[in-house]
Amino acid sequence: MLRLFAQLPRTYFRLNVEQGMQGMKLSEWERLSKVEAHTAQYLRRKEVDEKLALLGKTITAPKARLTIEQLGTEEDHL
């Protein structure tokens, strides 16, 4: 997805806790406190805070229309 939207800034945002969640299954709800701790640590990072601020500005700004032609196909971006 990141490659697909590379030429369309402020269109695609990915928030992803990179560390501490590997191998954790959705069925392991009893480990929810670990998920919460790793997520809170991720959200405290400066670059994540900046991304969230930009995301907030983007979703509250007037919306532009994105056509299917602007999206292209994955082959166009390889």
PDB file of N, CA and C in Angstrom:
ATOM      1  N   MET A   1       0.816  -1.185   0.000  1.00  0.00           N
ATOM      2  CA  MET A   1       0.000   0.000   0.000  1.00  0.00           C
ATOM      3  C   MET A   1       0.866   1.258   0.000  1.00  0.00           C
ATOM      4  N   LEU A   2       1.941   1.230   0.762  1.00  0.00           N
ATOM      5  CA  LEU A   2       2.807   2.404   0.840  1.00  0.00           C
ATOM      6  C   LEU A   2       3.355   2.773  -0.536  1.00  0.00           C
ATOM      7  N   ARG A   3       3.784   1.768  -1.299  1.00  0.00           N
ATOM      8  CA  ARG A   3       4.279   2.040  -2.658  1.00  0.00           C
ATOM      9  C   ARG A   3       3.173   2.565  -3.549  1.00  0.00           C
ATOM     10  N   LEU A   4       1.986   2.008  -3.428  1.00  0.00           N
ATOM     11  CA  LEU A   4       0.865   2.398  -4.269  1.00  0.00           C
ATOM     12  C   LEU A   4       0.510   3.872  -4.083  1.00  0.00           C
ATOM     13  N   PHE A   5       0.602   4.357  -2.870  1.00  0.00           N
ATOM     14  CA  PHE A   5       0.230   5.736  -2.572  1.00  0.00           C
ATOM     15  C   PHE A   5       1.438   6.675  -2.444  1.00  0.00           C
ATOM     16  N   ALA A   6       2.617   6.229  -2.828  1.00  0.00           N
ATOM     17  CA  ALA A   6       3.836   7.024  -2.673  1.00  0.00           C
ATOM     18  C   ALA A   6       3.748   8.369  -3.383  1.00  0.00           C
ATOM     19  N   GLN A   7       3.079   8.434  -4.512  1.00  0.00           N
ATOM     20  CA  GLN A   7       2.972   9.681  -5.280  1.00  0.00           C
ATOM     21  C   GLN A   7       1.769  10.521  -4.854  1.00  0.00           C
ATOM     22  N   LEU A   8       1.042  10.068  -3.859  1.00  0.00           N
ATOM     23  CA  LEU A   8      -0.154  10.771  -3.384  1.00  0.00           C
ATOM     24  C   LEU A   8      -0.001  11.057  -1.892  1.00  0.00           C
ATOM     25  N   PRO A   9       0.779  12.084  -1.548  1.00  0.00           N
ATOM     26  CA  PRO A   9       1.012  12.361  -0.122  1.00  0.00           C
ATOM     27  C   PRO A   9      -0.282  12.670   0.621  1.00  0.00           C
ATOM     28  N   ARG A  10      -0.269  12.336   1.894  1.00  0.00           N
ATOM     29  CA  ARG A  10      -1.414  12.569   2.784  1.00  0.00           C
ATOM     30  C   ARG A  10      -2.666  11.824   2.341  1.00  0.00           C
ATOM     31  N   THR A  11      -2.457  10.673   1.691  1.00  0.00           N
ATOM     32  CA  THR A  11      -3.577   9.841   1.260  1.00  0.00           C
ATOM     33  C   THR A  11      -3.615   8.534   2.042  1.00  0.00           C
ATOM     34  N   TYR A  12      -2.464   7.988   2.359  1.00  0.00           N
ATOM     35  CA  TYR A  12      -2.370   6.704   3.060  1.00  0.00           C
ATOM     36  C   TYR A  12      -1.484   6.879   4.284  1.00  0.00           C
ATOM     37  N   PHE A  13      -1.980   6.450   5.433  1.00  0.00           N
ATOM     38  CA  PHE A  13      -1.220   6.489   6.677  1.00  0.00           C
ATOM     39  C   PHE A  13      -1.216   5.093   7.279  1.00  0.00           C
ATOM     40  N   ARG A  14      -0.077   4.662   7.756  1.00  0.00           N
ATOM     41  CA  ARG A  14       0.006   3.364   8.424  1.00  0.00           C
ATOM     42  C   ARG A  14       0.567   3.582   9.825  1.00  0.00           C
ATOM     43  N   LEU A  15      -0.182   3.128  10.798  1.00  0.00           N
ATOM     44  CA  LEU A  15       0.254   3.151  12.193  1.00  0.00           C
ATOM     45  C   LEU A  15       0.414   1.693  12.602  1.00  0.00           C
ATOM     46  N   ASN A  16       1.614   1.333  13.012  1.00  0.00           N
ATOM     47  CA  ASN A  16       1.901  -0.062  13.248  1.00  0.00           C
ATOM     48  C   ASN A  16       2.904  -0.219  14.385  1.00  0.00           C
ATOM     49  N   VAL A  17       2.507  -0.888  15.442  1.00  0.00           N
ATOM     50  CA  VAL A  17       3.412  -1.174  16.548  1.00  0.00           C
ATOM     51  C   VAL A  17       4.397  -2.223  16.042  1.00  0.00           C
ATOM     52  N   GLU A  18       5.670  -1.822  15.907  1.00  0.00           N
ATOM     53  CA  GLU A  18       6.651  -2.714  15.286  1.00  0.00           C
ATOM     54  C   GLU A  18       7.236  -3.748  16.240  1.00  0.00           C
ATOM     55  N   GLN A  19       7.429  -3.397  17.499  1.00  0.00           N
ATOM     56  CA  GLN A  19       8.101  -4.294  18.434  1.00  0.00           C
ATOM     57  C   GLN A  19       7.173  -4.750  19.549  1.00  0.00           C
ATOM     58  N   GLY A  20       7.352  -6.015  19.932  1.00  0.00           N
ATOM     59  CA  GLY A  20       6.622  -6.553  21.065  1.00  0.00           C
ATOM     60  C   GLY A  20       5.324  -7.254  20.718  1.00  0.00           C
ATOM     61  N   MET A  21       4.912  -7.179  19.457  1.00  0.00           N
ATOM     62  CA  MET A  21       3.642  -7.779  19.071  1.00  0.00           C
ATOM     63  C   MET A  21       3.837  -9.026  18.194  1.00  0.00           C
ATOM     64  N   GLN A  22       5.094  -9.330  17.857  1.00  0.00           N
ATOM     65  CA  GLN A  22       5.357 -10.466  17.006  1.00  0.00           C
ATOM     66  C   GLN A  22       4.825 -11.751  17.633  1.00  0.00           C
ATOM     67  N   GLY A  23       4.175 -12.546  16.842  1.00  0.00           N
ATOM     68  CA  GLY A  23       3.692 -13.838  17.309  1.00  0.00           C
ATOM     69  C   GLY A  23       2.473 -13.790  18.204  1.00  0.00           C
ATOM     70  N   MET A  24       1.940 -12.627  18.480  1.00  0.00           N
ATOM     71  CA  MET A  24       0.767 -12.516  19.330  1.00  0.00           C
ATOM     72  C   MET A  24      -0.486 -12.754  18.491  1.00  0.00           C
ATOM     73  N   LYS A  25      -1.297 -13.684  18.921  1.00  0.00           N
ATOM     74  CA  LYS A  25      -2.508 -14.030  18.188  1.00  0.00           C
ATOM     75  C   LYS A  25      -3.710 -13.287  18.749  1.00  0.00           C
ATOM     76  N   LEU A  26      -4.683 -13.051  17.888  1.00  0.00           N
ATOM     77  CA  LEU A  26      -5.903 -12.363  18.328  1.00  0.00           C
ATOM     78  C   LEU A  26      -6.625 -13.123  19.435  1.00  0.00           C
ATOM     79  N   SER A  27      -6.479 -14.435  19.442  1.00  0.00           N
ATOM     80  CA  SER A  27      -7.165 -15.244  20.450  1.00  0.00           C
ATOM     81  C   SER A  27      -6.514 -15.142  21.833  1.00  0.00           C
ATOM     82  N   GLU A  28      -5.385 -14.489  21.932  1.00  0.00           N
ATOM     83  CA  GLU A  28      -4.676 -14.370  23.200  1.00  0.00           C
ATOM     84  C   GLU A  28      -5.088 -13.101  23.951  1.00  0.00           C
ATOM     85  N   TRP A  29      -6.378 -12.951  24.151  1.00  0.00           N
ATOM     86  CA  TRP A  29      -6.922 -11.752  24.792  1.00  0.00           C
ATOM     87  C   TRP A  29      -6.383 -11.553  26.199  1.00  0.00           C
ATOM     88  N   GLU A  30      -5.947 -12.628  26.848  1.00  0.00           N
ATOM     89  CA  GLU A  30      -5.438 -12.493  28.212  1.00  0.00           C
ATOM     90  C   GLU A  30      -4.119 -11.720  28.242  1.00  0.00           C
ATOM     91  N   ARG A  31      -3.484 -11.538  27.094  1.00  0.00           N
ATOM     92  CA  ARG A  31      -2.246 -10.757  27.002  1.00  0.00           C
ATOM     93  C   ARG A  31      -2.528  -9.311  26.580  1.00  0.00           C
ATOM     94  N   LEU A  32      -3.768  -8.900  26.708  1.00  0.00           N
ATOM     95  CA  LEU A  32      -4.178  -7.567  26.290  1.00  0.00           C
ATOM     96  C   LEU A  32      -3.384  -6.465  26.982  1.00  0.00           C
ATOM     97  N   SER A  33      -2.985  -6.679  28.219  1.00  0.00           N
ATOM     98  CA  SER A  33      -2.210  -5.656  28.929  1.00  0.00           C
ATOM     99  C   SER A  33      -0.860  -5.437  28.250  1.00  0.00           C
ATOM    100  N   LYS A  34      -0.275  -6.490  27.674  1.00  0.00           N
ATOM    101  CA  LYS A  34       0.983  -6.337  26.941  1.00  0.00           C
ATOM    102  C   LYS A  34       0.755  -5.557  25.654  1.00  0.00           C
ATOM    103  N   VAL A  35      -0.348  -5.828  24.983  1.00  0.00           N
ATOM    104  CA  VAL A  35      -0.699  -5.091  23.773  1.00  0.00           C
ATOM    105  C   VAL A  35      -0.842  -3.608  24.111  1.00  0.00           C
ATOM    106  N   GLU A  36      -1.534  -3.335  25.188  1.00  0.00           N
ATOM    107  CA  GLU A  36      -1.749  -1.953  25.623  1.00  0.00           C
ATOM    108  C   GLU A  36      -0.421  -1.269  25.945  1.00  0.00           C
ATOM    109  N   ALA A  37       0.465  -1.950  26.622  1.00  0.00           N
ATOM    110  CA  ALA A  37       1.760  -1.371  26.998  1.00  0.00           C
ATOM    111  C   ALA A  37       2.608  -1.076  25.759  1.00  0.00           C
ATOM    112  N   HIS A  38       2.669  -2.010  24.829  1.00  0.00           N
ATOM    113  CA  HIS A  38       3.459  -1.805  23.603  1.00  0.00           C
ATOM    114  C   HIS A  38       2.853  -0.683  22.755  1.00  0.00           C
ATOM    115  N   THR A  39       1.541  -0.614  22.713  1.00  0.00           N
ATOM    116  CA  THR A  39       0.873   0.438  21.941  1.00  0.00           C
ATOM    117  C   THR A  39       1.134   1.803  22.564  1.00  0.00           C
ATOM    118  N   ALA A  40       1.048   1.900  23.871  1.00  0.00           N
ATOM    119  CA  ALA A  40       1.303   3.171  24.562  1.00  0.00           C
ATOM    120  C   ALA A  40       2.745   3.622  24.327  1.00  0.00           C
ATOM    121  N   GLN A  41       3.681   2.692  24.376  1.00  0.00           N
ATOM    122  CA  GLN A  41       5.089   3.015  24.131  1.00  0.00           C
ATOM    123  C   GLN A  41       5.270   3.505  22.686  1.00  0.00           C
ATOM    124  N   TYR A  42       4.633   2.854  21.743  1.00  0.00           N
ATOM    125  CA  TYR A  42       4.697   3.249  20.329  1.00  0.00           C
ATOM    126  C   TYR A  42       4.150   4.664  20.135  1.00  0.00           C
ATOM    127  N   LEU A  43       3.021   4.955  20.775  1.00  0.00           N
ATOM    128  CA  LEU A  43       2.373   6.260  20.613  1.00  0.00           C
ATOM    129  C   LEU A  43       3.166   7.407  21.238  1.00  0.00           C
ATOM    130  N   ARG A  44       4.105   7.102  22.134  1.00  0.00           N
ATOM    131  CA  ARG A  44       4.927   8.132  22.760  1.00  0.00           C
ATOM    132  C   ARG A  44       6.102   8.570  21.877  1.00  0.00           C
ATOM    133  N   ARG A  45       6.350   7.842  20.802  1.00  0.00           N
ATOM    134  CA  ARG A  45       7.466   8.180  19.918  1.00  0.00           C
ATOM    135  C   ARG A  45       7.175   9.482  19.162  1.00  0.00           C
ATOM    136  N   LYS A  46       8.207  10.321  19.015  1.00  0.00           N
ATOM    137  CA  LYS A  46       8.049  11.629  18.384  1.00  0.00           C
ATOM    138  C   LYS A  46       7.536  11.499  16.952  1.00  0.00           C
ATOM    139  N   GLU A  47       8.100  10.586  16.173  1.00  0.00           N
ATOM    140  CA  GLU A  47       7.687  10.453  14.775  1.00  0.00           C
ATOM    141  C   GLU A  47       6.239   9.968  14.642  1.00  0.00           C
ATOM    142  N   VAL A  48       5.782   9.180  15.592  1.00  0.00           N
ATOM    143  CA  VAL A  48       4.383   8.726  15.577  1.00  0.00           C
ATOM    144  C   VAL A  48       3.467   9.887  15.941  1.00  0.00           C
ATOM    145  N   ASP A  49       3.892  10.693  16.922  1.00  0.00           N
ATOM    146  CA  ASP A  49       3.120  11.873  17.306  1.00  0.00           C
ATOM    147  C   ASP A  49       2.980  12.831  16.125  1.00  0.00           C
ATOM    148  N   GLU A  50       4.063  13.017  15.386  1.00  0.00           N
ATOM    149  CA  GLU A  50       4.021  13.885  14.205  1.00  0.00           C
ATOM    150  C   GLU A  50       3.098  13.307  13.123  1.00  0.00           C
ATOM    151  N   LYS A  51       3.158  11.996  12.936  1.00  0.00           N
ATOM    152  CA  LYS A  51       2.295  11.354  11.941  1.00  0.00           C
ATOM    153  C   LYS A  51       0.822  11.481  12.346  1.00  0.00           C
ATOM    154  N   LEU A  52       0.539  11.331  13.623  1.00  0.00           N
ATOM    155  CA  LEU A  52      -0.840  11.469  14.099  1.00  0.00           C
ATOM    156  C   LEU A  52      -1.346  12.902  13.925  1.00  0.00           C
ATOM    157  N   ALA A  53      -0.470  13.889  14.156  1.00  0.00           N
ATOM    158  CA  ALA A  53      -0.854  15.290  13.964  1.00  0.00           C
ATOM    159  C   ALA A  53      -1.184  15.549  12.492  1.00  0.00           C
ATOM    160  N   LEU A  54      -0.358  15.034  11.590  1.00  0.00           N
ATOM    161  CA  LEU A  54      -0.602  15.193  10.159  1.00  0.00           C
ATOM    162  C   LEU A  54      -1.878  14.469   9.746  1.00  0.00           C
ATOM    163  N   LEU A  55      -2.085  13.293  10.281  1.00  0.00           N
ATOM    164  CA  LEU A  55      -3.304  12.535   9.994  1.00  0.00           C
ATOM    165  C   LEU A  55      -4.535  13.314  10.442  1.00  0.00           C
ATOM    166  N   GLY A  56      -4.477  13.889  11.630  1.00  0.00           N
ATOM    167  CA  GLY A  56      -5.592  14.688  12.133  1.00  0.00           C
ATOM    168  C   GLY A  56      -5.903  15.870  11.234  1.00  0.00           C
ATOM    169  N   LYS A  57      -4.847  16.578  10.793  1.00  0.00           N
ATOM    170  CA  LYS A  57      -5.044  17.706   9.880  1.00  0.00           C
ATOM    171  C   LYS A  57      -5.633  17.234   8.552  1.00  0.00           C
ATOM    172  N   THR A  58      -5.167  16.089   8.083  1.00  0.00           N
ATOM    173  CA  THR A  58      -5.617  15.572   6.792  1.00  0.00           C
ATOM    174  C   THR A  58      -7.092  15.199   6.818  1.00  0.00           C
ATOM    175  N   ILE A  59      -7.546  14.549   7.869  1.00  0.00           N
ATOM    176  CA  ILE A  59      -8.943  14.103   7.879  1.00  0.00           C
ATOM    177  C   ILE A  59      -9.921  15.228   8.191  1.00  0.00           C
ATOM    178  N   THR A  60      -9.412  16.352   8.690  1.00  0.00           N
ATOM    179  CA  THR A  60     -10.304  17.483   8.953  1.00  0.00           C
ATOM    180  C   THR A  60     -10.264  18.535   7.844  1.00  0.00           C
ATOM    181  N   ALA A  61      -9.343  18.375   6.900  1.00  0.00           N
ATOM    182  CA  ALA A  61      -9.231  19.310   5.769  1.00  0.00           C
ATOM    183  C   ALA A  61     -10.289  18.971   4.725  1.00  0.00           C
ATOM    184  N   PRO A  62     -10.623  19.933   3.865  1.00  0.00           N
ATOM    185  CA  PRO A  62     -11.560  19.634   2.777  1.00  0.00           C
ATOM    186  C   PRO A  62     -11.059  18.437   1.968  1.00  0.00           C
ATOM    187  N   LYS A  63     -11.968  17.600   1.580  1.00  0.00           N
ATOM    188  CA  LYS A  63     -11.615  16.361   0.900  1.00  0.00           C
ATOM    189  C   LYS A  63     -11.469  16.559  -0.607  1.00  0.00           C
ATOM    190  N   ALA A  64     -10.376  16.068  -1.140  1.00  0.00           N
ATOM    191  CA  ALA A  64     -10.190  16.025  -2.584  1.00  0.00           C
ATOM    192  C   ALA A  64     -10.661  14.663  -3.067  1.00  0.00           C
ATOM    193  N   ARG A  65     -11.067  14.606  -4.292  1.00  0.00           N
ATOM    194  CA  ARG A  65     -11.498  13.326  -4.853  1.00  0.00           C
ATOM    195  C   ARG A  65     -10.306  12.628  -5.493  1.00  0.00           C
ATOM    196  N   LEU A  66     -10.249  11.339  -5.295  1.00  0.00           N
ATOM    197  CA  LEU A  66      -9.186  10.517  -5.837  1.00  0.00           C
ATOM    198  C   LEU A  66      -9.802   9.582  -6.857  1.00  0.00           C
ATOM    199  N   THR A  67      -9.325   9.660  -8.086  1.00  0.00           N
ATOM    200  CA  THR A  67      -9.898   8.807  -9.130  1.00  0.00           C
ATOM    201  C   THR A  67      -9.159   7.484  -9.195  1.00  0.00           C
ATOM    202  N   ILE A  68      -9.803   6.510  -9.777  1.00  0.00           N
ATOM    203  CA  ILE A  68      -9.208   5.188  -9.966  1.00  0.00           C
ATOM    204  C   ILE A  68      -7.948   5.313 -10.824  1.00  0.00           C
ATOM    205  N   GLU A  69      -7.960   6.216 -11.800  1.00  0.00           N
ATOM    206  CA  GLU A  69      -6.799   6.403 -12.661  1.00  0.00           C
ATOM    207  C   GLU A  69      -5.593   6.919 -11.868  1.00  0.00           C
ATOM    208  N   GLN A  70      -5.841   7.739 -10.871  1.00  0.00           N
ATOM    209  CA  GLN A  70      -4.752   8.242 -10.040  1.00  0.00           C
ATOM    210  C   GLN A  70      -4.122   7.124  -9.220  1.00  0.00           C
ATOM    211  N   LEU A  71      -4.919   6.155  -8.848  1.00  0.00           N
ATOM    212  CA  LEU A  71      -4.399   5.032  -8.077  1.00  0.00           C
ATOM    213  C   LEU A  71      -3.518   4.144  -8.926  1.00  0.00           C
ATOM    214  N   GLY A  72      -3.908   3.932 -10.195  1.00  0.00           N
ATOM    215  CA  GLY A  72      -3.132   3.056 -11.071  1.00  0.00           C
ATOM    216  C   GLY A  72      -3.201   1.623 -10.583  1.00  0.00           C
ATOM    217  N   THR A  73      -2.212   0.867 -10.926  1.00  0.00           N
ATOM    218  CA  THR A  73      -2.129  -0.530 -10.486  1.00  0.00           C
ATOM    219  C   THR A  73      -0.779  -0.757  -9.844  1.00  0.00           C
ATOM    220  N   GLU A  74      -0.645  -1.847  -9.139  1.00  0.00           N
ATOM    221  CA  GLU A  74       0.624  -2.148  -8.471  1.00  0.00           C
ATOM    222  C   GLU A  74       1.740  -2.279  -9.490  1.00  0.00           C
ATOM    223  N   GLU A  75       1.453  -2.815 -10.673  1.00  0.00           N
ATOM    224  CA  GLU A  75       2.476  -2.970 -11.700  1.00  0.00           C
ATOM    225  C   GLU A  75       3.053  -1.624 -12.114  1.00  0.00           C
ATOM    226  N   ASP A  76       2.243  -0.564 -12.078  1.00  0.00           N
ATOM    227  CA  ASP A  76       2.719   0.765 -12.444  1.00  0.00           C
ATOM    228  C   ASP A  76       3.817   1.243 -11.505  1.00  0.00           C
ATOM    229  N   HIS A  77       3.832   0.731 -10.284  1.00  0.00           N
ATOM    230  CA  HIS A  77       4.743   1.233  -9.259  1.00  0.00           C
ATOM    231  C   HIS A  77       5.937   0.321  -9.036  1.00  0.00           C
ATOM    232  N   LEU A  78       6.025  -0.759  -9.770  1.00  0.00           N
ATOM    233  CA  LEU A  78       7.150  -1.686  -9.571  1.00  0.00           C
ATOM    234  C   LEU A  78       8.390  -1.248 -10.300  1.00  0.00           C
TER     235      LEU A  78
END
